[in-house]
Amino acid sequence: MNNQKEKIDNLNKNVEKLNSQFKNQMKKAFYDLIVEKTSSDKPDFDWLVKLYSEIRDGLVNILKKNSKLRNEMEECFDVDLFSQMIRNNAFSGEDMIKLINYTFDKLLQLGSAARDKVVKERRDEILNFIYSQKGTFGQIVGLYLKNAHLSLDELHLDIANIKKNISNIGKK
């Protein structure tokens, strides 16, 4: 019986490992596609706007409707303005730096203090890449979208874990 339990445990570990590897490969392919799509002669602006909108929505949807912070963020993450600017090549390096700082400031404000170091490292990675002047627009936007989405995913994971823990406390 004990041997069978060990086999099942090993099988579960292998399945978890495969799932993790698959998930990581899918994420890498996704972020590689972002860089490819933003670096092409004809960038896929609709997709970029959708990804930008997902960041905004992922942040504001955890806030109470009509709260001061939510209203501010909805105004600052103006999807229509963003769309117009990138489609008309009016999005400057300075605009990108402001967007990066604002996005990561909000992630820091809303996220767990335990993740602050990682979130700051992701922000700084993008800013250092910009200041090095070695990256293309596509690479910079790709890195911004990647790091913002990773941080946002962790923020939502933390919220889900808090809800789960609160739910478990109520069951005891």
N, C-alpha and C. Protein backbone atom coordinates (compact mmCIF):
# COMPACT_ATOMS: atom_id res chain seq x y z
N MET A 1 0.83 -1.19 0.00
CA MET A 1 0.00 0.00 0.00
C MET A 1 0.87 1.25 0.00
N ASN A 2 1.93 1.25 0.82
CA ASN A 2 2.83 2.40 0.93
C ASN A 2 3.55 2.63 -0.40
N ASN A 3 3.93 1.55 -1.09
CA ASN A 3 4.60 1.64 -2.39
C ASN A 3 3.68 2.27 -3.43
N GLN A 4 2.40 1.91 -3.38
CA GLN A 4 1.45 2.48 -4.32
C GLN A 4 1.26 3.98 -4.08
N LYS A 5 1.26 4.38 -2.82
CA LYS A 5 1.14 5.80 -2.47
C LYS A 5 2.35 6.57 -2.98
N GLU A 6 3.53 5.98 -2.86
CA GLU A 6 4.74 6.63 -3.38
C GLU A 6 4.65 6.80 -4.89
N LYS A 7 4.16 5.79 -5.60
CA LYS A 7 4.01 5.88 -7.05
C LYS A 7 3.05 7.00 -7.44
N ILE A 8 1.95 7.09 -6.72
CA ILE A 8 0.97 8.14 -7.00
C ILE A 8 1.57 9.51 -6.71
N ASP A 9 2.29 9.64 -5.60
CA ASP A 9 2.94 10.91 -5.26
C ASP A 9 3.96 11.31 -6.33
N ASN A 10 4.75 10.34 -6.78
CA ASN A 10 5.73 10.62 -7.85
C ASN A 10 5.05 11.02 -9.15
N LEU A 11 3.96 10.33 -9.47
CA LEU A 11 3.21 10.67 -10.68
C LEU A 11 2.66 12.09 -10.58
N ASN A 12 2.11 12.44 -9.42
CA ASN A 12 1.57 13.79 -9.22
C ASN A 12 2.67 14.84 -9.34
N LYS A 13 3.84 14.54 -8.80
CA LYS A 13 4.97 15.47 -8.91
C LYS A 13 5.39 15.66 -10.37
N ASN A 14 5.42 14.56 -11.11
CA ASN A 14 5.79 14.64 -12.53
C ASN A 14 4.76 15.44 -13.33
N VAL A 15 3.50 15.23 -13.03
CA VAL A 15 2.44 15.97 -13.71
C VAL A 15 2.56 17.46 -13.39
N GLU A 16 2.79 17.79 -12.14
CA GLU A 16 2.98 19.19 -11.74
C GLU A 16 4.17 19.81 -12.46
N LYS A 17 5.26 19.05 -12.56
CA LYS A 17 6.47 19.54 -13.23
C LYS A 17 6.18 19.79 -14.71
N LEU A 18 5.50 18.86 -15.36
CA LEU A 18 5.14 19.02 -16.77
C LEU A 18 4.22 20.22 -16.97
N ASN A 19 3.24 20.37 -16.08
CA ASN A 19 2.33 21.52 -16.17
C ASN A 19 3.10 22.83 -16.03
N SER A 20 4.03 22.87 -15.12
CA SER A 20 4.83 24.07 -14.90
C SER A 20 5.69 24.38 -16.12
N GLN A 21 6.33 23.34 -16.69
CA GLN A 21 7.15 23.53 -17.89
C GLN A 21 6.30 24.01 -19.06
N PHE A 22 5.13 23.42 -19.21
CA PHE A 22 4.23 23.81 -20.30
C PHE A 22 3.79 25.27 -20.13
N LYS A 23 3.43 25.62 -18.92
CA LYS A 23 2.99 26.99 -18.62
C LYS A 23 4.11 27.99 -18.93
N ASN A 24 5.32 27.67 -18.51
CA ASN A 24 6.47 28.54 -18.76
C ASN A 24 6.75 28.69 -20.25
N GLN A 25 6.65 27.58 -21.00
CA GLN A 25 6.87 27.63 -22.44
C GLN A 25 5.81 28.47 -23.13
N MET A 26 4.57 28.34 -22.69
CA MET A 26 3.47 29.12 -23.27
C MET A 26 3.68 30.62 -22.99
N LYS A 27 4.09 30.94 -21.79
CA LYS A 27 4.35 32.34 -21.45
C LYS A 27 5.50 32.89 -22.30
N LYS A 28 6.55 32.11 -22.44
CA LYS A 28 7.70 32.56 -23.25
C LYS A 28 7.27 32.79 -24.69
N ALA A 29 6.50 31.87 -25.23
CA ALA A 29 6.02 32.01 -26.61
C ALA A 29 5.13 33.25 -26.74
N PHE A 30 4.31 33.49 -25.74
CA PHE A 30 3.43 34.66 -25.75
C PHE A 30 4.25 35.95 -25.76
N TYR A 31 5.27 36.04 -24.90
CA TYR A 31 6.06 37.26 -24.83
C TYR A 31 6.96 37.42 -26.06
N ASP A 32 7.42 36.32 -26.60
CA ASP A 32 8.18 36.39 -27.86
C ASP A 32 7.28 36.91 -28.99
N LEU A 33 6.02 36.49 -28.98
CA LEU A 33 5.08 36.95 -29.99
C LEU A 33 4.80 38.44 -29.84
N ILE A 34 4.75 38.93 -28.61
CA ILE A 34 4.55 40.37 -28.38
C ILE A 34 5.69 41.14 -29.03
N VAL A 35 6.92 40.74 -28.76
CA VAL A 35 8.07 41.43 -29.34
C VAL A 35 8.02 41.36 -30.86
N GLU A 36 7.69 40.19 -31.39
CA GLU A 36 7.61 40.03 -32.85
C GLU A 36 6.54 40.96 -33.43
N LYS A 37 5.36 40.97 -32.81
CA LYS A 37 4.25 41.77 -33.34
C LYS A 37 4.52 43.27 -33.22
N THR A 38 5.23 43.69 -32.17
CA THR A 38 5.50 45.12 -31.99
C THR A 38 6.71 45.56 -32.79
N SER A 39 7.54 44.64 -33.22
CA SER A 39 8.74 44.98 -33.98
C SER A 39 8.54 44.92 -35.49
N SER A 40 7.41 44.41 -35.92
CA SER A 40 7.19 44.26 -37.36
C SER A 40 6.96 45.63 -38.02
N ASP A 41 7.04 45.64 -39.32
CA ASP A 41 6.80 46.87 -40.08
C ASP A 41 5.38 47.39 -39.88
N LYS A 42 4.46 46.46 -39.70
CA LYS A 42 3.06 46.82 -39.45
C LYS A 42 2.63 46.18 -38.13
N PRO A 43 2.92 46.88 -37.01
CA PRO A 43 2.57 46.31 -35.71
C PRO A 43 1.07 46.03 -35.59
N ASP A 44 0.74 45.03 -34.82
CA ASP A 44 -0.66 44.67 -34.56
C ASP A 44 -1.17 45.57 -33.44
N PHE A 45 -1.60 46.77 -33.81
CA PHE A 45 -2.02 47.76 -32.83
C PHE A 45 -3.24 47.31 -32.03
N ASP A 46 -4.15 46.60 -32.68
CA ASP A 46 -5.34 46.13 -31.97
C ASP A 46 -4.95 45.23 -30.80
N TRP A 47 -3.99 44.34 -31.03
CA TRP A 47 -3.55 43.43 -29.98
C TRP A 47 -2.83 44.19 -28.87
N LEU A 48 -1.99 45.16 -29.24
CA LEU A 48 -1.30 45.97 -28.23
C LEU A 48 -2.29 46.72 -27.35
N VAL A 49 -3.30 47.29 -27.98
CA VAL A 49 -4.32 48.03 -27.23
C VAL A 49 -5.07 47.07 -26.31
N LYS A 50 -5.35 45.86 -26.79
CA LYS A 50 -6.05 44.86 -25.96
C LYS A 50 -5.19 44.49 -24.73
N LEU A 51 -3.90 44.27 -24.95
CA LEU A 51 -3.02 43.92 -23.83
C LEU A 51 -2.89 45.07 -22.83
N TYR A 52 -2.82 46.29 -23.35
CA TYR A 52 -2.78 47.48 -22.49
C TYR A 52 -4.07 47.59 -21.68
N SER A 53 -5.19 47.36 -22.36
CA SER A 53 -6.49 47.41 -21.71
C SER A 53 -6.60 46.34 -20.61
N GLU A 54 -6.02 45.17 -20.85
CA GLU A 54 -6.03 44.11 -19.84
C GLU A 54 -5.28 44.52 -18.58
N ILE A 55 -4.18 45.25 -18.75
CA ILE A 55 -3.44 45.73 -17.58
C ILE A 55 -4.32 46.70 -16.79
N ARG A 56 -4.90 47.67 -17.51
CA ARG A 56 -5.78 48.63 -16.84
C ARG A 56 -6.92 47.92 -16.13
N ASP A 57 -7.61 47.04 -16.84
CA ASP A 57 -8.76 46.35 -16.26
C ASP A 57 -8.36 45.47 -15.08
N GLY A 58 -7.22 44.82 -15.21
CA GLY A 58 -6.75 43.97 -14.12
C GLY A 58 -6.46 44.74 -12.84
N LEU A 59 -6.06 45.98 -12.99
CA LEU A 59 -5.81 46.83 -11.82
C LEU A 59 -7.10 47.45 -11.28
N VAL A 60 -7.88 48.05 -12.15
CA VAL A 60 -9.06 48.78 -11.66
C VAL A 60 -10.17 47.86 -11.19
N ASN A 61 -10.27 46.65 -11.72
CA ASN A 61 -11.36 45.76 -11.35
C ASN A 61 -11.24 45.22 -9.93
N ILE A 62 -10.10 45.38 -9.30
CA ILE A 62 -9.99 44.96 -7.90
C ILE A 62 -10.41 46.08 -6.95
N LEU A 63 -10.68 47.24 -7.53
CA LEU A 63 -11.07 48.40 -6.72
C LEU A 63 -12.58 48.61 -6.77
N LYS A 64 -13.08 49.22 -5.73
CA LYS A 64 -14.50 49.54 -5.63
C LYS A 64 -14.89 50.52 -6.73
N LYS A 65 -16.03 50.27 -7.38
CA LYS A 65 -16.51 51.17 -8.44
C LYS A 65 -16.70 52.57 -7.87
N ASN A 66 -16.30 53.53 -8.69
CA ASN A 66 -16.42 54.95 -8.36
C ASN A 66 -15.54 55.40 -7.20
N SER A 67 -14.61 54.55 -6.78
CA SER A 67 -13.67 55.00 -5.75
C SER A 67 -12.71 56.01 -6.41
N LYS A 68 -12.15 56.84 -5.59
CA LYS A 68 -11.26 57.90 -6.09
C LYS A 68 -10.09 57.30 -6.87
N LEU A 69 -9.47 56.26 -6.31
CA LEU A 69 -8.31 55.64 -6.96
C LEU A 69 -8.72 54.98 -8.28
N ARG A 70 -9.84 54.29 -8.28
CA ARG A 70 -10.29 53.64 -9.51
C ARG A 70 -10.56 54.68 -10.60
N ASN A 71 -11.24 55.74 -10.26
CA ASN A 71 -11.52 56.80 -11.24
C ASN A 71 -10.23 57.40 -11.77
N GLU A 72 -9.27 57.64 -10.89
CA GLU A 72 -7.97 58.20 -11.31
C GLU A 72 -7.28 57.25 -12.28
N MET A 73 -7.28 55.97 -11.95
CA MET A 73 -6.60 54.99 -12.80
C MET A 73 -7.29 54.82 -14.14
N GLU A 74 -8.60 54.83 -14.15
CA GLU A 74 -9.32 54.72 -15.43
C GLU A 74 -9.02 55.92 -16.31
N GLU A 75 -8.86 57.08 -15.69
CA GLU A 75 -8.52 58.28 -16.46
C GLU A 75 -7.07 58.23 -16.96
N CYS A 76 -6.16 57.82 -16.11
CA CYS A 76 -4.74 57.78 -16.50
C CYS A 76 -4.42 56.67 -17.49
N PHE A 77 -5.10 55.55 -17.37
CA PHE A 77 -4.94 54.45 -18.33
C PHE A 77 -5.98 54.62 -19.44
N ASP A 78 -5.93 55.72 -20.13
CA ASP A 78 -6.89 56.05 -21.17
C ASP A 78 -6.60 55.20 -22.41
N VAL A 79 -7.41 54.18 -22.61
CA VAL A 79 -7.18 53.22 -23.70
C VAL A 79 -7.32 53.89 -25.06
N ASP A 80 -8.32 54.75 -25.22
CA ASP A 80 -8.51 55.42 -26.51
C ASP A 80 -7.32 56.32 -26.85
N LEU A 81 -6.84 57.07 -25.88
CA LEU A 81 -5.69 57.94 -26.11
C LEU A 81 -4.45 57.10 -26.44
N PHE A 82 -4.24 56.03 -25.69
CA PHE A 82 -3.12 55.13 -25.96
C PHE A 82 -3.19 54.61 -27.39
N SER A 83 -4.36 54.17 -27.78
CA SER A 83 -4.56 53.62 -29.12
C SER A 83 -4.22 54.67 -30.19
N GLN A 84 -4.74 55.86 -30.03
CA GLN A 84 -4.47 56.93 -30.99
C GLN A 84 -2.99 57.25 -31.07
N MET A 85 -2.34 57.31 -29.91
CA MET A 85 -0.93 57.68 -29.88
C MET A 85 -0.05 56.65 -30.58
N ILE A 86 -0.28 55.36 -30.31
CA ILE A 86 0.59 54.36 -30.93
C ILE A 86 0.28 54.21 -32.41
N ARG A 87 -0.95 54.38 -32.80
CA ARG A 87 -1.34 54.25 -34.21
C ARG A 87 -0.79 55.41 -35.05
N ASN A 88 -0.60 56.56 -34.42
CA ASN A 88 -0.13 57.75 -35.13
C ASN A 88 1.33 58.07 -34.83
N ASN A 89 2.03 57.09 -34.28
CA ASN A 89 3.46 57.25 -33.97
C ASN A 89 3.73 58.50 -33.12
N ALA A 90 2.82 58.77 -32.19
CA ALA A 90 2.94 59.95 -31.33
C ALA A 90 3.34 59.56 -29.91
N PHE A 91 3.68 58.30 -29.69
CA PHE A 91 4.03 57.81 -28.36
C PHE A 91 5.54 57.95 -28.20
N SER A 92 5.97 58.92 -27.41
CA SER A 92 7.40 59.21 -27.26
C SER A 92 8.04 58.34 -26.18
N GLY A 93 9.36 58.40 -26.12
CA GLY A 93 10.10 57.71 -25.07
C GLY A 93 9.70 58.22 -23.70
N GLU A 94 9.49 59.51 -23.61
CA GLU A 94 9.07 60.12 -22.33
C GLU A 94 7.69 59.59 -21.92
N ASP A 95 6.78 59.46 -22.90
CA ASP A 95 5.45 58.90 -22.61
C ASP A 95 5.58 57.47 -22.09
N MET A 96 6.48 56.70 -22.70
CA MET A 96 6.68 55.32 -22.28
C MET A 96 7.21 55.25 -20.86
N ILE A 97 8.15 56.10 -20.53
CA ILE A 97 8.72 56.12 -19.17
C ILE A 97 7.64 56.48 -18.16
N LYS A 98 6.80 57.46 -18.49
CA LYS A 98 5.69 57.84 -17.59
C LYS A 98 4.73 56.68 -17.40
N LEU A 99 4.42 55.99 -18.50
CA LEU A 99 3.50 54.85 -18.43
C LEU A 99 4.08 53.74 -17.56
N ILE A 100 5.35 53.44 -17.75
CA ILE A 100 6.01 52.39 -16.96
C ILE A 100 5.97 52.76 -15.47
N ASN A 101 6.38 53.97 -15.15
CA ASN A 101 6.40 54.39 -13.76
C ASN A 101 5.00 54.38 -13.14
N TYR A 102 4.02 54.88 -13.87
CA TYR A 102 2.66 54.90 -13.34
C TYR A 102 2.14 53.48 -13.10
N THR A 103 2.31 52.61 -14.10
CA THR A 103 1.83 51.23 -13.98
C THR A 103 2.45 50.55 -12.77
N PHE A 104 3.76 50.65 -12.64
CA PHE A 104 4.43 49.93 -11.55
C PHE A 104 4.21 50.61 -10.20
N ASP A 105 4.00 51.91 -10.18
CA ASP A 105 3.62 52.59 -8.93
C ASP A 105 2.29 52.04 -8.43
N LYS A 106 1.34 51.83 -9.34
CA LYS A 106 0.03 51.30 -8.95
C LYS A 106 0.13 49.84 -8.54
N LEU A 107 0.96 49.07 -9.22
CA LEU A 107 1.18 47.68 -8.81
C LEU A 107 1.77 47.62 -7.41
N LEU A 108 2.70 48.53 -7.12
CA LEU A 108 3.29 48.59 -5.78
C LEU A 108 2.26 49.04 -4.74
N GLN A 109 1.44 49.99 -5.11
CA GLN A 109 0.44 50.52 -4.20
C GLN A 109 -0.61 49.46 -3.85
N LEU A 110 -1.01 48.67 -4.82
CA LEU A 110 -2.09 47.71 -4.61
C LEU A 110 -1.60 46.33 -4.18
N GLY A 111 -0.33 46.05 -4.41
CA GLY A 111 0.19 44.72 -4.15
C GLY A 111 0.72 44.52 -2.75
N SER A 112 1.14 43.31 -2.51
CA SER A 112 1.72 42.92 -1.23
C SER A 112 3.12 43.51 -1.09
N ALA A 113 3.41 44.01 0.10
CA ALA A 113 4.75 44.55 0.36
C ALA A 113 5.82 43.48 0.18
N ALA A 114 5.45 42.23 0.37
CA ALA A 114 6.40 41.13 0.21
C ALA A 114 6.87 41.00 -1.24
N ARG A 115 6.12 41.54 -2.18
CA ARG A 115 6.49 41.46 -3.59
C ARG A 115 7.12 42.75 -4.12
N ASP A 116 7.23 43.76 -3.29
CA ASP A 116 7.75 45.06 -3.73
C ASP A 116 9.10 44.96 -4.42
N LYS A 117 9.99 44.17 -3.86
CA LYS A 117 11.34 44.07 -4.42
C LYS A 117 11.29 43.55 -5.87
N VAL A 118 10.51 42.52 -6.10
CA VAL A 118 10.40 41.92 -7.43
C VAL A 118 9.74 42.88 -8.40
N VAL A 119 8.69 43.56 -7.95
CA VAL A 119 7.99 44.51 -8.82
C VAL A 119 8.93 45.66 -9.20
N LYS A 120 9.69 46.15 -8.24
CA LYS A 120 10.66 47.22 -8.53
C LYS A 120 11.75 46.74 -9.48
N GLU A 121 12.19 45.51 -9.30
CA GLU A 121 13.21 44.95 -10.21
C GLU A 121 12.68 44.87 -11.63
N ARG A 122 11.41 44.48 -11.78
CA ARG A 122 10.82 44.40 -13.12
C ARG A 122 10.70 45.78 -13.75
N ARG A 123 10.28 46.75 -12.95
CA ARG A 123 10.19 48.13 -13.46
C ARG A 123 11.57 48.62 -13.87
N ASP A 124 12.54 48.42 -12.99
CA ASP A 124 13.90 48.89 -13.26
C ASP A 124 14.53 48.20 -14.46
N GLU A 125 14.18 46.94 -14.68
CA GLU A 125 14.68 46.23 -15.85
C GLU A 125 14.25 46.94 -17.13
N ILE A 126 12.99 47.35 -17.18
CA ILE A 126 12.48 48.05 -18.36
C ILE A 126 13.16 49.41 -18.52
N LEU A 127 13.20 50.17 -17.42
CA LEU A 127 13.79 51.51 -17.47
C LEU A 127 15.27 51.45 -17.86
N ASN A 128 16.01 50.51 -17.29
CA ASN A 128 17.43 50.37 -17.64
C ASN A 128 17.59 49.99 -19.10
N PHE A 129 16.69 49.19 -19.62
CA PHE A 129 16.72 48.81 -21.03
C PHE A 129 16.50 50.04 -21.91
N ILE A 130 15.59 50.90 -21.50
CA ILE A 130 15.33 52.14 -22.25
C ILE A 130 16.57 53.03 -22.22
N TYR A 131 17.11 53.23 -21.02
CA TYR A 131 18.25 54.14 -20.86
C TYR A 131 19.51 53.63 -21.54
N SER A 132 19.60 52.31 -21.72
CA SER A 132 20.77 51.75 -22.40
C SER A 132 20.74 52.06 -23.90
N GLN A 133 19.57 52.43 -24.40
CA GLN A 133 19.34 52.75 -25.80
C GLN A 133 19.71 51.58 -26.73
N LYS A 134 19.56 50.37 -26.21
CA LYS A 134 19.87 49.18 -27.01
C LYS A 134 18.62 48.50 -27.54
N GLY A 135 17.45 48.92 -27.04
CA GLY A 135 16.23 48.23 -27.41
C GLY A 135 15.42 48.96 -28.45
N THR A 136 14.69 48.18 -29.22
CA THR A 136 13.75 48.75 -30.18
C THR A 136 12.44 49.04 -29.45
N PHE A 137 11.56 49.78 -30.11
CA PHE A 137 10.24 50.05 -29.54
C PHE A 137 9.55 48.74 -29.20
N GLY A 138 9.60 47.79 -30.13
CA GLY A 138 8.95 46.50 -29.91
C GLY A 138 9.50 45.76 -28.71
N GLN A 139 10.82 45.78 -28.54
CA GLN A 139 11.43 45.09 -27.41
C GLN A 139 11.05 45.76 -26.09
N ILE A 140 11.01 47.08 -26.09
CA ILE A 140 10.66 47.82 -24.87
C ILE A 140 9.20 47.57 -24.50
N VAL A 141 8.31 47.70 -25.49
CA VAL A 141 6.89 47.46 -25.23
C VAL A 141 6.67 46.01 -24.81
N GLY A 142 7.36 45.09 -25.46
CA GLY A 142 7.25 43.68 -25.09
C GLY A 142 7.66 43.42 -23.66
N LEU A 143 8.77 44.03 -23.25
CA LEU A 143 9.25 43.86 -21.87
C LEU A 143 8.29 44.50 -20.87
N TYR A 144 7.77 45.67 -21.24
CA TYR A 144 6.78 46.34 -20.37
C TYR A 144 5.55 45.45 -20.18
N LEU A 145 4.99 44.95 -21.29
CA LEU A 145 3.79 44.12 -21.20
C LEU A 145 4.07 42.84 -20.42
N LYS A 146 5.22 42.24 -20.67
CA LYS A 146 5.59 41.01 -19.96
C LYS A 146 5.69 41.26 -18.46
N ASN A 147 6.48 42.25 -18.06
CA ASN A 147 6.71 42.49 -16.64
C ASN A 147 5.46 43.00 -15.93
N ALA A 148 4.67 43.82 -16.61
CA ALA A 148 3.43 44.30 -16.00
C ALA A 148 2.45 43.15 -15.81
N HIS A 149 2.32 42.29 -16.83
CA HIS A 149 1.40 41.16 -16.72
C HIS A 149 1.87 40.16 -15.66
N LEU A 150 3.17 39.90 -15.57
CA LEU A 150 3.67 39.00 -14.53
C LEU A 150 3.33 39.55 -13.14
N SER A 151 3.57 40.82 -12.94
CA SER A 151 3.29 41.44 -11.64
C SER A 151 1.80 41.46 -11.35
N LEU A 152 1.01 41.72 -12.36
CA LEU A 152 -0.45 41.73 -12.21
C LEU A 152 -0.97 40.33 -11.88
N ASP A 153 -0.43 39.32 -12.56
CA ASP A 153 -0.83 37.93 -12.26
C ASP A 153 -0.54 37.59 -10.81
N GLU A 154 0.62 38.01 -10.31
CA GLU A 154 0.98 37.74 -8.91
C GLU A 154 0.07 38.49 -7.96
N LEU A 155 -0.31 39.70 -8.30
CA LEU A 155 -1.24 40.48 -7.48
C LEU A 155 -2.57 39.75 -7.37
N HIS A 156 -3.08 39.26 -8.49
CA HIS A 156 -4.34 38.53 -8.48
C HIS A 156 -4.21 37.19 -7.75
N LEU A 157 -3.07 36.54 -7.86
CA LEU A 157 -2.83 35.30 -7.12
C LEU A 157 -2.85 35.56 -5.62
N ASP A 158 -2.21 36.64 -5.20
CA ASP A 158 -2.20 37.00 -3.77
C ASP A 158 -3.62 37.27 -3.27
N ILE A 159 -4.40 37.97 -4.06
CA ILE A 159 -5.79 38.26 -3.66
C ILE A 159 -6.59 36.97 -3.55
N ALA A 160 -6.42 36.08 -4.52
CA ALA A 160 -7.13 34.79 -4.48
C ALA A 160 -6.72 33.98 -3.26
N ASN A 161 -5.43 34.00 -2.92
CA ASN A 161 -4.96 33.27 -1.74
C ASN A 161 -5.52 33.87 -0.45
N ILE A 162 -5.61 35.18 -0.40
CA ILE A 162 -6.19 35.83 0.78
C ILE A 162 -7.66 35.43 0.93
N LYS A 163 -8.39 35.47 -0.17
CA LYS A 163 -9.81 35.08 -0.14
C LYS A 163 -9.96 33.63 0.30
N LYS A 164 -9.08 32.77 -0.21
CA LYS A 164 -9.12 31.35 0.15
C LYS A 164 -8.84 31.17 1.64
N ASN A 165 -7.83 31.88 2.15
CA ASN A 165 -7.48 31.77 3.56
C ASN A 165 -8.61 32.28 4.45
N ILE A 166 -9.25 33.37 4.04
CA ILE A 166 -10.37 33.90 4.81
C ILE A 166 -11.53 32.91 4.81
N SER A 167 -11.77 32.30 3.64
CA SER A 167 -12.82 31.31 3.51
C SER A 167 -12.55 30.10 4.42
N ASN A 168 -11.29 29.68 4.47
CA ASN A 168 -10.91 28.53 5.30
C ASN A 168 -11.06 28.85 6.78
N ILE A 169 -10.80 30.09 7.15
CA ILE A 169 -10.96 30.48 8.56
C ILE A 169 -12.43 30.36 8.96
N GLY A 170 -13.33 30.75 8.07
CA GLY A 170 -14.75 30.68 8.35
C GLY A 170 -15.25 29.25 8.48
N LYS A 171 -14.54 28.30 7.90
CA LYS A 171 -14.97 26.89 7.95
C LYS A 171 -14.54 26.19 9.23
N LYS A 172 -13.58 26.83 9.96
CA LYS A 172 -13.07 26.17 11.16
C LYS A 172 -13.94 26.39 12.34
